[in-house]
Amino acid sequence: MATRLTIDPITRIEGHLRIDVEVADGKVGKAWSSCTMWRGIENILLGRDPREAWLFTQRFCGVCTTVHAIASVRAVEDALKLQIPPNAQYIRNLILIAHGLHDHIVHFYHLSALDWVDVTKVLDADPAKTSALAESVSAWTGNSTKQLAAVKQKLAAFVGSGQLGPFAHGYWGHPAMTLSPEVNLLATSHYFQAIDVQRKANQVVGMLGGKTPHIQNLAVGGVQNAINLDSLATLNMDRLFALKVLLDEVVPFVNDVYFVDACAVAAFYADWFGIGAGTGNYLAVPDLPTDAAATQFDLPGGTILGGRLDAVRRMKDWKDEPFRRSVAEDVSHAWYRGGKGALHPHQGETVPEYTDWQEAGKYSWVKAPRYDGQPMEVGPLANVLIGYAAGDARTRKWTDKALATVSSLAGKPVTVEMMKSTMGRHLARAIRCAILGELALEHWQRLADNVLKGDTKTFEPPVMPRHEVQGVGQHEAPRGTLSHWVVLEGGKIKNYQAVVPTTWNASPRDEKGVVGPYEAALLGTPVADAEKPLEVLRTVHSFDPCMACACHTYDADGREVAKVDVL
């Protein structure tokens, strides 16, 4: 007999997500992904000046602000066929890279690590043994016995006070948590260190963007950062080197701590390379353009269907016609007015039509995006698999290094094919973060070199046509492929649709009954204790959900089948 389980809300994510599963014979047999928020920003934008859209679209989310701003200005620039100056391209890239470094570090340590790390076991750890273990796998200087002993003492104080703070309500002692006390201590120590490191990455965003969250420096046509090497009030060499100092602190942590920790967790939980595969379809768009015309990119894009890495189709640039024509959104099981079939975003509608939660009907505020009719997983796993399959040198270097490290620690081979899994998503995110670390310094150098040549231009004025034009702004955000689709007429916004990473991944069923990536990945997931569904959280958290990006106004109505307390 199947047991019905509802986890509402899923926590340690951005926004409100409800997951329903049916568990039979210790495994998930059916799953439903339901967002309990509504996004209305698209409707607010109608009739507005497209040059100000990016200021509104940042409000899709309180975390993924930068990415929506970038996608929005790129959408309008695409519609206008407007090329921005090289400096603007590099400044935007540095903001995006720094945001990605911040986001990936936060996700691993502060949002998902507690699915794998049992902090209550830290009190049983030997700091000296932990330090020796750390030094055997990493050159990081923050793993001394004294530092680890201080972390153990800090946790003892938490426990002694009865106030566990961020560690309250966890599934501590769960049989699926199998790390040794020493590994738990090491990971917890890095949890605290990561709080400081992610802040430094975010400082880069704030220094270039004017503030964060919700950067202020963008413009359709470039950026508003003035460059003058003789002025203290503008972007000069002093400020550029201040940025580099911060990046020089973040990148070693990524390489010597995050990357190593992700490999170690993957090795110790190697059985999770066989869980959570999902749809087998992957989508990524090229990003981090290295020239003003956006013809060359440092992050590859493309598609993989049916899990076939040997049949990857690479996207050369943002003009890729198959992508532009193949994206459509279905609302058969979403709380929007439908009846017209799946709509291309340029013809898309966002008209709310709420019912109650209906198992066979409408049950989510998230639409169901499809690529040529297929559900697609987006995110670091898609980005890494596509880059690896397409032969991207940087992706292959870091992926091969990660797989070799995991295989060595696990004592058995772990291959790129096995990355199509819950654990593969975590490993791919660490790989992508290491890639971004390399690119951070390279794009900083490009900007510095270009400025030292005497080029200080950062803006190209846009010219608004009176006739109808269409555009799409693309960005490979930390959570995956993001696209903003705009229709302009008479210099105003006629239609605006955002197809965001979590909309792809948290997709409900479509009109054919085909499940989305969350729902597909949960099928077959083992559940040892229905009252403590840690395994379900592991797979869901591996996607790094951001429901606030997908939907925006909370509706408190809904049918609660069961209530589960989660951290």
Protein backbone atom coordinates (compact mmCIF):
# COMPACT_ATOMS: atom_id res chain seq x y z
CA MET A 1 0.00 0.00 0.00
CA ALA A 2 1.32 3.43 -0.96
CA THR A 3 1.92 6.10 1.69
CA ARG A 4 1.12 9.67 0.71
CA LEU A 5 3.56 12.28 1.98
CA THR A 6 3.46 16.06 1.66
CA ILE A 7 6.44 18.25 2.54
CA ASP A 8 5.20 21.81 2.72
CA PRO A 9 7.18 23.98 2.72
CA ILE A 10 10.50 22.66 1.49
CA THR A 11 13.00 24.83 3.36
CA ARG A 12 16.62 25.86 2.77
CA ILE A 13 15.53 27.17 -0.64
CA GLU A 14 14.38 30.56 -1.94
CA GLY A 15 10.59 30.80 -1.96
CA HIS A 16 7.73 28.39 -1.28
CA LEU A 17 7.77 24.84 -2.63
CA ARG A 18 5.52 21.91 -1.82
CA ILE A 19 6.46 18.36 -2.76
CA ASP A 20 3.96 15.47 -2.71
CA VAL A 21 5.15 11.90 -3.12
CA GLU A 22 3.64 8.45 -2.93
CA VAL A 23 5.96 5.92 -1.33
CA ALA A 24 5.49 2.20 -1.93
CA ASP A 25 7.93 -0.58 -1.06
CA GLY A 26 10.35 2.00 0.32
CA LYS A 27 10.60 4.03 -2.90
CA VAL A 28 8.88 7.03 -4.47
CA GLY A 29 6.41 5.89 -7.11
CA LYS A 30 4.72 9.20 -7.94
CA ALA A 31 5.68 12.83 -7.33
CA TRP A 32 4.16 16.29 -7.70
CA SER A 33 6.08 19.58 -7.56
CA SER A 34 3.91 22.51 -6.53
CA CYS A 35 4.87 26.16 -6.14
CA THR A 36 2.52 28.07 -3.84
CA MET A 37 3.45 31.57 -5.05
CA TRP A 38 2.35 33.59 -8.06
CA ARG A 39 4.60 35.71 -10.25
CA GLY A 40 2.95 38.83 -11.68
CA ILE A 41 5.90 40.97 -12.76
CA GLU A 42 5.27 40.26 -16.45
CA ASN A 43 1.87 41.94 -16.24
CA ILE A 44 3.31 44.95 -14.39
CA LEU A 45 5.74 45.53 -17.28
CA LEU A 46 3.10 45.82 -20.00
CA GLY A 47 3.08 49.30 -21.56
CA ARG A 48 6.28 50.40 -19.85
CA ASP A 49 9.48 51.78 -21.35
CA PRO A 50 11.70 48.73 -22.09
CA ARG A 51 14.76 50.59 -20.83
CA GLU A 52 13.44 50.35 -17.27
CA ALA A 53 12.28 46.71 -17.40
CA TRP A 54 15.48 45.41 -15.79
CA LEU A 55 14.78 47.38 -12.62
CA PHE A 56 11.45 45.58 -12.24
CA THR A 57 12.56 42.10 -13.26
CA GLN A 58 15.21 42.06 -10.52
CA ARG A 59 12.26 41.94 -8.13
CA PHE A 60 11.38 38.45 -9.33
CA CYS A 61 13.60 37.34 -6.48
CA GLY A 62 15.61 38.58 -3.50
CA VAL A 63 18.54 36.29 -4.35
CA CYS A 64 18.66 35.97 -8.15
CA THR A 65 18.37 39.70 -8.74
CA THR A 66 21.47 40.24 -10.87
CA VAL A 67 20.65 37.48 -13.32
CA HIS A 68 17.20 38.85 -14.14
CA ALA A 69 18.60 42.34 -14.64
CA ILE A 70 21.17 40.98 -17.11
CA ALA A 71 18.66 38.84 -19.00
CA SER A 72 16.29 41.80 -19.27
CA VAL A 73 18.76 44.27 -20.78
CA ARG A 74 20.01 41.55 -23.11
CA ALA A 75 16.43 40.90 -24.28
CA VAL A 76 15.87 44.54 -25.19
CA GLU A 77 19.31 44.85 -26.80
CA ASP A 78 18.55 41.74 -28.86
CA ALA A 79 15.28 43.27 -30.05
CA LEU A 80 17.10 46.48 -30.98
CA LYS A 81 20.10 44.62 -32.48
CA LEU A 82 22.26 46.79 -30.23
CA GLN A 83 25.93 45.94 -29.64
CA ILE A 84 27.43 47.05 -26.34
CA PRO A 85 31.06 48.19 -25.77
CA PRO A 86 33.70 45.63 -24.68
CA ASN A 87 34.12 47.24 -21.24
CA ALA A 88 30.41 46.84 -20.59
CA GLN A 89 30.63 43.20 -21.57
CA TYR A 90 33.54 42.56 -19.19
CA ILE A 91 31.95 44.45 -16.28
CA ARG A 92 28.72 42.52 -16.71
CA ASN A 93 30.68 39.27 -16.89
CA LEU A 94 32.54 40.03 -13.66
CA ILE A 95 29.26 40.74 -11.89
CA LEU A 96 27.77 37.49 -13.17
CA ILE A 97 30.86 35.46 -12.24
CA ALA A 98 31.06 36.92 -8.73
CA HIS A 99 27.34 36.31 -8.23
CA GLY A 100 27.80 32.71 -9.39
CA LEU A 101 30.71 32.13 -7.00
CA HIS A 102 28.64 33.50 -4.13
CA ASP A 103 25.57 31.48 -5.10
CA HIS A 104 27.33 28.12 -5.49
CA ILE A 105 29.22 28.44 -2.20
CA VAL A 106 26.04 29.33 -0.34
CA HIS A 107 24.09 26.48 -1.92
CA PHE A 108 26.59 23.76 -1.06
CA TYR A 109 27.42 24.76 2.49
CA HIS A 110 24.37 26.59 3.78
CA LEU A 111 21.45 25.14 1.82
CA SER A 112 22.29 21.51 1.04
CA ALA A 113 25.24 20.29 3.13
CA LEU A 114 22.98 19.63 6.11
CA ASP A 115 21.30 16.89 4.06
CA TRP A 116 24.59 14.98 4.25
CA VAL A 117 26.47 16.32 7.27
CA ASP A 118 25.32 15.42 10.79
CA VAL A 119 26.43 18.33 12.99
CA THR A 120 25.50 16.44 16.18
CA LYS A 121 28.29 13.96 15.47
CA VAL A 122 30.87 16.77 15.55
CA LEU A 123 31.04 16.48 19.34
CA ASP A 124 32.50 12.97 18.91
CA ALA A 125 35.26 14.11 16.53
CA ASP A 126 38.99 14.32 17.25
CA PRO A 127 40.26 17.70 15.91
CA ALA A 128 43.80 16.35 15.45
CA LYS A 129 42.59 13.43 13.33
CA THR A 130 40.34 15.79 11.40
CA SER A 131 43.26 18.12 10.66
CA ALA A 132 45.39 15.21 9.47
CA LEU A 133 42.56 14.04 7.20
CA ALA A 134 42.13 17.53 5.77
CA GLU A 135 45.83 17.98 5.06
CA SER A 136 45.89 14.69 3.18
CA VAL A 137 43.43 16.00 0.57
CA SER A 138 43.88 19.79 0.52
CA ALA A 139 46.47 22.55 0.92
CA TRP A 140 43.93 24.87 2.59
CA THR A 141 45.49 26.69 5.56
CA GLY A 142 42.26 26.88 7.53
CA ASN A 143 42.30 23.26 8.69
CA SER A 144 44.58 23.46 11.72
CA THR A 145 43.88 21.41 14.84
CA LYS A 146 43.40 24.64 16.82
CA GLN A 147 40.82 26.00 14.38
CA LEU A 148 38.91 22.71 14.25
CA ALA A 149 38.92 22.46 18.05
CA ALA A 150 37.40 25.95 18.20
CA VAL A 151 34.59 24.86 15.87
CA LYS A 152 33.92 21.82 18.03
CA GLN A 153 33.77 24.07 21.09
CA LYS A 154 31.39 26.45 19.32
CA LEU A 155 29.01 23.59 18.51
CA ALA A 156 29.23 22.32 22.08
CA ALA A 157 28.14 25.79 23.22
CA PHE A 158 25.19 25.66 20.80
CA VAL A 159 24.10 22.32 22.17
CA GLY A 160 24.65 23.37 25.77
CA SER A 161 22.49 26.47 25.34
CA GLY A 162 19.65 24.48 23.80
CA GLN A 163 19.53 26.99 20.95
CA LEU A 164 20.80 25.32 17.78
CA GLY A 165 20.13 28.28 15.51
CA PRO A 166 20.61 27.21 11.85
CA PHE A 167 21.08 23.61 12.99
CA ALA A 168 17.68 23.26 14.66
CA HIS A 169 15.08 20.75 13.41
CA GLY A 170 17.50 18.69 11.30
CA TYR A 171 17.17 14.97 10.71
CA TRP A 172 20.15 14.32 12.95
CA GLY A 173 20.93 10.69 13.54
CA HIS A 174 19.10 9.65 10.37
CA PRO A 175 20.42 6.25 9.15
CA ALA A 176 21.17 7.76 5.71
CA MET A 177 23.77 10.08 7.29
CA THR A 178 26.94 8.00 7.34
CA LEU A 179 29.91 10.41 7.51
CA SER A 180 32.49 9.87 10.25
CA PRO A 181 32.62 12.40 13.13
CA GLU A 182 35.88 13.79 11.72
CA VAL A 183 34.42 14.43 8.26
CA ASN A 184 31.38 16.02 9.89
CA LEU A 185 33.66 18.35 11.87
CA LEU A 186 35.64 19.30 8.78
CA ALA A 187 32.51 20.09 6.77
CA THR A 188 30.99 22.08 9.64
CA SER A 189 34.19 24.10 10.01
CA HIS A 190 34.04 24.95 6.31
CA TYR A 191 30.35 25.83 6.72
CA PHE A 192 31.40 28.69 9.02
CA GLN A 193 34.35 29.73 6.84
CA ALA A 194 32.10 29.84 3.78
CA ILE A 195 29.95 32.52 5.43
CA ASP A 196 32.87 34.93 5.21
CA VAL A 197 34.05 33.85 1.75
CA GLN A 198 30.65 34.19 0.06
CA ARG A 199 30.44 37.72 1.48
CA LYS A 200 33.65 38.66 -0.33
CA ALA A 201 32.30 37.37 -3.64
CA ASN A 202 29.18 39.43 -3.09
CA GLN A 203 31.30 42.51 -2.38
CA VAL A 204 32.52 42.34 -5.96
CA VAL A 205 28.91 42.40 -7.15
CA GLY A 206 28.17 45.38 -4.93
CA MET A 207 31.28 47.34 -5.92
CA LEU A 208 30.57 47.01 -9.64
CA GLY A 209 26.79 47.02 -9.41
CA GLY A 210 26.40 49.91 -7.00
CA LYS A 211 24.64 47.72 -4.44
CA THR A 212 23.47 44.17 -3.93
CA PRO A 213 20.92 42.72 -4.05
CA HIS A 214 19.27 44.66 -6.88
CA ILE A 215 22.26 46.14 -8.72
CA GLN A 216 21.96 49.68 -10.08
CA ASN A 217 24.65 49.97 -12.77
CA LEU A 218 23.00 48.40 -15.82
CA ALA A 219 21.52 50.15 -18.83
CA VAL A 220 20.13 49.02 -22.14
CA GLY A 221 23.26 49.66 -24.18
CA GLY A 222 25.88 48.77 -21.59
CA VAL A 223 26.61 49.80 -18.00
CA GLN A 224 26.61 53.07 -16.07
CA ASN A 225 30.10 52.57 -14.61
CA ALA A 226 32.21 55.60 -15.50
CA ILE A 227 35.88 54.77 -16.15
CA ASN A 228 38.52 57.42 -15.52
CA LEU A 229 41.99 56.43 -14.31
CA ASP A 230 42.57 59.98 -13.02
CA SER A 231 39.43 60.18 -10.87
CA LEU A 232 38.85 58.75 -7.41
CA ALA A 233 35.08 58.82 -7.95
CA THR A 234 34.99 56.40 -10.89
CA LEU A 235 36.20 52.93 -11.82
CA ASN A 236 39.99 53.33 -11.75
CA MET A 237 42.96 51.02 -11.28
CA ASP A 238 42.78 51.27 -7.48
CA ARG A 239 39.21 50.03 -7.55
CA LEU A 240 40.01 47.36 -10.11
CA PHE A 241 42.79 46.01 -7.91
CA ALA A 242 40.47 46.10 -4.90
CA LEU A 243 38.19 43.79 -6.86
CA LYS A 244 41.11 41.49 -7.66
CA VAL A 245 42.13 41.29 -4.00
CA LEU A 246 38.67 39.98 -3.15
CA LEU A 247 38.68 37.49 -6.03
CA ASP A 248 42.15 36.30 -5.01
CA GLU A 249 40.66 35.37 -1.62
CA VAL A 250 37.56 33.65 -2.98
CA VAL A 251 39.17 31.52 -5.71
CA PRO A 252 41.54 29.55 -3.41
CA PHE A 253 38.62 28.68 -1.15
CA VAL A 254 36.70 27.38 -4.16
CA ASN A 255 39.63 25.27 -5.37
CA ASP A 256 41.05 24.02 -2.07
CA VAL A 257 37.90 23.75 0.03
CA TYR A 258 34.59 23.70 -1.85
CA PHE A 259 35.80 21.60 -4.79
CA VAL A 260 37.55 19.14 -2.46
CA ASP A 261 34.61 18.93 -0.04
CA ALA A 262 32.16 18.27 -2.88
CA CYS A 263 34.38 15.49 -4.19
CA ALA A 264 34.70 13.98 -0.71
CA VAL A 265 30.95 14.03 -0.02
CA ALA A 266 30.36 12.52 -3.46
CA ALA A 267 32.83 9.72 -2.69
CA PHE A 268 31.43 8.95 0.76
CA TYR A 269 27.88 8.87 -0.66
CA ALA A 270 28.77 7.29 -4.00
CA ASP A 271 25.52 5.29 -4.04
CA TRP A 272 23.74 8.59 -4.75
CA PHE A 273 25.25 8.56 -8.23
CA GLY A 274 22.56 5.94 -8.89
CA ILE A 275 19.63 8.01 -7.61
CA GLY A 276 17.75 11.00 -9.02
CA ALA A 277 18.58 10.78 -12.72
CA GLY A 278 15.57 12.78 -13.91
CA THR A 279 14.47 13.32 -17.51
CA GLY A 280 17.84 12.75 -19.21
CA ASN A 281 17.26 15.88 -21.31
CA TYR A 282 19.58 18.83 -20.70
CA LEU A 283 19.64 22.46 -21.86
CA ALA A 284 22.25 25.21 -21.43
CA VAL A 285 22.90 28.46 -23.28
CA PRO A 286 26.33 29.94 -24.04
CA ASP A 287 27.42 32.77 -21.76
CA LEU A 288 30.24 35.07 -20.68
CA PRO A 289 30.88 36.61 -24.11
CA THR A 290 34.50 37.55 -24.72
CA ASP A 291 33.86 40.10 -27.48
CA ALA A 292 31.53 43.07 -27.90
CA ALA A 293 29.54 41.38 -30.66
CA ALA A 294 28.91 38.30 -28.47
CA THR A 295 30.18 35.79 -31.02
CA GLN A 296 32.61 33.99 -28.69
CA PHE A 297 31.79 32.61 -25.24
CA ASP A 298 33.65 31.08 -22.31
CA LEU A 299 30.69 29.00 -21.12
CA PRO A 300 29.34 26.55 -23.75
CA GLY A 301 25.69 25.90 -24.48
CA GLY A 302 23.66 23.22 -26.21
CA THR A 303 21.19 20.40 -25.74
CA ILE A 304 21.34 16.71 -24.87
CA LEU A 305 18.28 14.51 -25.39
CA GLY A 306 17.68 11.08 -23.92
CA GLY A 307 20.90 11.24 -21.93
CA ARG A 308 22.97 10.75 -25.08
CA LEU A 309 26.21 12.62 -24.55
CA ASP A 310 27.44 11.37 -27.92
CA ALA A 311 24.62 13.26 -29.65
CA VAL A 312 25.08 16.67 -28.02
CA ARG A 313 23.98 19.63 -30.14
CA ARG A 314 26.08 22.68 -29.38
CA MET A 315 24.73 26.23 -29.54
CA LYS A 316 27.23 28.56 -31.16
CA ASP A 317 25.78 31.81 -29.83
CA TRP A 318 22.60 33.62 -28.72
CA LYS A 319 21.27 33.69 -32.28
CA ASP A 320 20.68 29.93 -32.18
CA GLU A 321 17.45 29.47 -34.15
CA PRO A 322 16.42 26.06 -32.74
CA PHE A 323 16.42 27.55 -29.24
CA ARG A 324 14.52 30.65 -30.29
CA ARG A 325 11.74 28.68 -31.94
CA SER A 326 11.58 25.57 -29.72
CA VAL A 327 10.77 27.03 -26.29
CA ALA A 328 7.10 26.98 -25.30
CA GLU A 329 5.16 26.96 -22.02
CA ASP A 330 2.23 24.69 -21.14
CA VAL A 331 -0.28 25.60 -18.41
CA SER A 332 -2.46 22.47 -18.41
CA HIS A 333 -1.55 21.75 -14.77
CA ALA A 334 -0.65 25.28 -13.68
CA TRP A 335 -2.95 27.88 -12.15
CA TYR A 336 -3.22 30.01 -15.28
CA ARG A 337 -5.86 30.44 -17.95
CA GLY A 338 -5.09 28.06 -20.80
CA GLY A 339 -6.93 26.40 -23.64
CA LYS A 340 -4.54 27.53 -26.37
CA GLY A 341 -1.96 24.76 -25.99
CA ALA A 342 1.69 25.38 -25.29
CA LEU A 343 2.59 28.98 -26.20
CA HIS A 344 5.89 30.38 -27.42
CA PRO A 345 7.03 33.07 -24.93
CA HIS A 346 6.57 35.87 -27.44
CA GLN A 347 2.89 34.89 -27.56
CA GLY A 348 2.79 33.82 -23.93
CA GLU A 349 0.14 34.78 -21.39
CA THR A 350 0.27 35.05 -17.61
CA VAL A 351 -3.39 35.18 -16.54
CA PRO A 352 -3.95 33.63 -13.08
CA GLU A 353 -6.75 31.11 -12.68
CA TYR A 354 -6.49 29.54 -9.24
CA THR A 355 -8.25 26.33 -8.22
CA ASP A 356 -7.49 24.18 -5.23
CA TRP A 357 -4.66 21.61 -5.36
CA GLN A 358 -5.84 18.96 -7.81
CA GLU A 359 -3.84 15.77 -8.22
CA ALA A 360 -5.07 15.18 -11.76
CA GLY A 361 -5.70 18.85 -12.53
CA LYS A 362 -3.99 22.12 -11.71
CA TYR A 363 -1.59 22.06 -8.78
CA SER A 364 1.17 24.66 -9.21
CA TRP A 365 1.84 28.30 -10.03
CA VAL A 366 4.81 27.16 -12.14
CA LYS A 367 4.23 26.73 -15.85
CA ALA A 368 5.59 23.74 -17.78
CA PRO A 369 8.31 24.90 -20.21
CA ARG A 370 9.14 22.51 -23.01
CA TYR A 371 11.90 22.49 -25.63
CA ASP A 372 10.50 21.10 -28.86
CA GLY A 373 7.90 19.38 -26.70
CA GLN A 374 10.44 17.87 -24.27
CA PRO A 375 10.98 18.62 -20.56
CA MET A 376 14.54 19.78 -20.02
CA GLU A 377 16.75 19.87 -16.94
CA VAL A 378 18.79 23.04 -16.62
CA GLY A 379 21.52 23.99 -14.17
CA PRO A 380 25.19 23.22 -13.51
CA LEU A 381 24.73 19.54 -14.38
CA ALA A 382 23.34 20.44 -17.80
CA ASN A 383 26.08 23.04 -18.29
CA VAL A 384 28.86 20.59 -17.37
CA LEU A 385 27.51 17.59 -19.31
CA ILE A 386 27.00 19.68 -22.45
CA GLY A 387 30.43 21.28 -22.16
CA TYR A 388 32.09 17.93 -21.52
CA ALA A 389 30.28 16.19 -24.39
CA ALA A 390 31.07 19.07 -26.75
CA GLY A 391 34.77 18.87 -25.91
CA ASP A 392 35.11 22.18 -24.09
CA ALA A 393 38.69 22.09 -22.74
CA ARG A 394 38.05 23.91 -19.47
CA THR A 395 35.00 21.81 -18.63
CA ARG A 396 36.87 18.60 -19.40
CA LYS A 397 39.85 19.62 -17.26
CA TRP A 398 37.83 20.28 -14.10
CA THR A 399 35.38 17.41 -14.67
CA ASP A 400 38.17 14.89 -15.17
CA LYS A 401 39.89 16.19 -12.04
CA ALA A 402 36.69 15.87 -10.03
CA LEU A 403 35.92 12.35 -11.27
CA ALA A 404 39.49 11.20 -10.60
CA THR A 405 39.34 12.60 -7.05
CA VAL A 406 35.96 11.01 -6.33
CA SER A 407 37.05 7.68 -7.81
CA SER A 408 40.21 7.66 -5.70
CA LEU A 409 38.38 8.48 -2.46
CA ALA A 410 35.53 6.07 -3.21
CA GLY A 411 37.84 3.25 -4.23
CA LYS A 412 35.84 2.59 -7.39
CA PRO A 413 35.44 4.29 -10.78
CA VAL A 414 32.95 7.14 -11.07
CA THR A 415 32.29 8.24 -14.65
CA VAL A 416 30.76 11.23 -16.36
CA GLU A 417 27.71 9.10 -17.27
CA MET A 418 27.09 8.58 -13.54
CA MET A 419 26.81 12.32 -13.02
CA LYS A 420 23.22 12.18 -14.30
CA SER A 421 22.06 11.87 -10.68
CA THR A 422 21.42 13.63 -7.39
CA MET A 423 25.09 13.53 -6.41
CA GLY A 424 26.12 14.46 -9.93
CA ARG A 425 24.32 17.78 -9.59
CA HIS A 426 26.36 18.67 -6.51
CA LEU A 427 29.61 17.63 -8.18
CA ALA A 428 28.73 19.57 -11.34
CA ARG A 429 28.04 22.70 -9.31
CA ALA A 430 31.50 22.47 -7.71
CA ILE A 431 33.04 21.95 -11.16
CA ARG A 432 31.22 24.97 -12.52
CA CYS A 433 32.32 27.04 -9.52
CA ALA A 434 35.96 26.11 -10.15
CA ILE A 435 35.52 27.11 -13.80
CA LEU A 436 34.05 30.44 -12.74
CA GLY A 437 37.00 30.97 -10.41
CA GLU A 438 39.39 30.66 -13.34
CA LEU A 439 37.25 32.92 -15.49
CA ALA A 440 36.96 35.57 -12.76
CA LEU A 441 40.65 36.34 -12.99
CA GLU A 442 40.71 36.08 -16.78
CA HIS A 443 37.83 38.51 -17.29
CA TRP A 444 39.30 40.89 -14.72
CA GLN A 445 42.51 40.88 -16.79
CA ARG A 446 40.57 41.53 -20.01
CA LEU A 447 38.89 44.54 -18.43
CA ALA A 448 42.12 45.90 -16.97
CA ASP A 449 44.01 45.45 -20.25
CA ASN A 450 41.28 47.16 -22.25
CA VAL A 451 41.11 50.12 -19.88
CA LEU A 452 44.90 50.51 -19.89
CA LYS A 453 44.75 50.71 -23.69
CA GLY A 454 42.75 53.90 -23.24
CA ASP A 455 39.26 52.52 -23.95
CA THR A 456 36.85 53.97 -21.38
CA LYS A 457 33.57 53.60 -23.25
CA THR A 458 30.84 51.69 -21.37
CA PHE A 459 27.59 52.67 -23.10
CA GLU A 460 26.01 52.73 -26.56
CA PRO A 461 22.76 54.76 -26.69
CA PRO A 462 19.73 52.70 -27.82
CA VAL A 463 17.35 53.85 -30.53
CA MET A 464 13.74 52.71 -30.11
CA PRO A 465 11.89 51.78 -33.33
CA ARG A 466 8.17 52.49 -33.67
CA HIS A 467 7.38 49.18 -35.40
CA GLU A 468 7.09 45.82 -33.60
CA VAL A 469 10.33 44.03 -32.74
CA GLN A 470 11.03 40.92 -30.68
CA GLY A 471 14.00 39.89 -28.59
CA VAL A 472 15.25 37.29 -26.18
CA GLY A 473 17.84 37.78 -23.47
CA GLN A 474 19.77 34.66 -22.47
CA HIS A 475 21.92 33.93 -19.45
CA GLU A 476 23.32 30.71 -17.98
CA ALA A 477 22.48 31.61 -14.38
CA PRO A 478 23.71 29.69 -11.31
CA ARG A 479 20.54 27.59 -11.40
CA GLY A 480 20.57 27.17 -15.17
CA THR A 481 19.17 28.56 -18.41
CA LEU A 482 17.35 31.84 -17.96
CA SER A 483 15.61 33.62 -20.83
CA HIS A 484 13.58 36.83 -20.95
CA TRP A 485 11.37 37.27 -24.01
CA VAL A 486 10.14 40.73 -24.99
CA VAL A 487 7.88 42.17 -27.70
CA LEU A 488 8.17 45.92 -28.28
CA GLU A 489 5.81 48.14 -30.23
CA GLY A 490 5.77 51.93 -30.38
CA GLY A 491 8.72 52.03 -28.00
CA LYS A 492 6.72 50.27 -25.26
CA ILE A 493 6.54 46.71 -23.94
CA LYS A 494 3.74 44.81 -25.66
CA ASN A 495 4.52 41.41 -24.09
CA TYR A 496 7.08 40.13 -21.61
CA GLN A 497 7.70 36.57 -20.43
CA ALA A 498 10.48 35.16 -18.29
CA VAL A 499 11.30 31.45 -18.55
CA VAL A 500 13.51 30.88 -15.54
CA PRO A 501 15.66 27.92 -14.43
CA THR A 502 13.32 26.78 -11.68
CA THR A 503 10.37 26.99 -14.05
CA TRP A 504 12.16 24.42 -16.22
CA ASN A 505 13.14 22.19 -13.30
CA ALA A 506 10.04 22.52 -11.09
CA SER A 507 7.71 22.09 -14.05
CA PRO A 508 4.44 20.30 -13.35
CA ARG A 509 3.04 17.75 -15.78
CA ASP A 510 2.22 19.00 -19.26
CA GLU A 511 -0.91 18.35 -21.35
CA LYS A 512 0.45 14.90 -22.26
CA GLY A 513 0.97 14.02 -18.60
CA VAL A 514 4.78 14.12 -18.93
CA VAL A 515 6.43 15.03 -15.63
CA GLY A 516 9.05 17.73 -15.14
CA PRO A 517 12.65 17.30 -13.88
CA TYR A 518 11.93 17.48 -10.11
CA GLU A 519 9.12 14.99 -10.43
CA ALA A 520 11.11 12.68 -12.71
CA ALA A 521 14.20 12.78 -10.48
CA LEU A 522 12.20 11.81 -7.39
CA LEU A 523 10.85 8.63 -8.97
CA GLY A 524 12.59 5.62 -7.47
CA THR A 525 14.19 7.62 -4.64
CA PRO A 526 14.50 5.38 -1.57
CA VAL A 527 12.75 6.58 1.60
CA ALA A 528 13.84 4.81 4.78
CA ASP A 529 11.44 6.66 7.11
CA ALA A 530 8.31 8.38 5.79
CA GLU A 531 8.25 10.59 8.91
CA LYS A 532 11.78 11.80 8.10
CA PRO A 533 11.99 12.02 4.28
CA LEU A 534 15.61 13.11 4.15
CA GLU A 535 16.16 11.33 0.84
CA VAL A 536 13.44 13.38 -0.86
CA LEU A 537 15.06 16.58 0.36
CA ARG A 538 18.45 15.46 -0.95
CA THR A 539 17.19 15.14 -4.51
CA VAL A 540 15.10 18.31 -4.44
CA HIS A 541 17.91 20.37 -2.90
CA SER A 542 20.36 19.08 -5.53
CA PHE A 543 18.55 21.32 -8.05
CA ASP A 544 18.94 24.41 -5.81
CA PRO A 545 15.27 25.48 -6.08
CA CYS A 546 14.42 29.17 -6.38
CA MET A 547 10.65 29.33 -6.34
CA ALA A 548 10.65 33.11 -5.91
CA CYS A 549 12.08 33.33 -9.43
CA ALA A 550 9.34 31.07 -10.75
CA CYS A 551 6.35 32.60 -8.96
CA HIS A 552 5.69 35.59 -6.73
CA THR A 553 2.52 36.12 -4.72
CA TYR A 554 1.81 33.74 -1.87
CA ASP A 555 -1.61 32.11 -1.66
CA ALA A 556 -2.31 30.52 1.72
CA ASP A 557 -5.07 28.22 0.52
CA GLY A 558 -4.30 24.58 -0.18
CA ARG A 559 -5.06 21.04 1.02
CA GLU A 560 -2.62 19.64 3.53
CA VAL A 561 -2.35 15.87 3.43
CA ALA A 562 0.43 15.52 5.99
CA LYS A 563 2.76 17.89 7.77
CA VAL A 564 6.51 17.26 8.01
CA ASP A 565 8.88 19.48 9.98
CA VAL A 566 12.10 20.04 8.06
CA LEU A 567 15.21 22.16 8.42
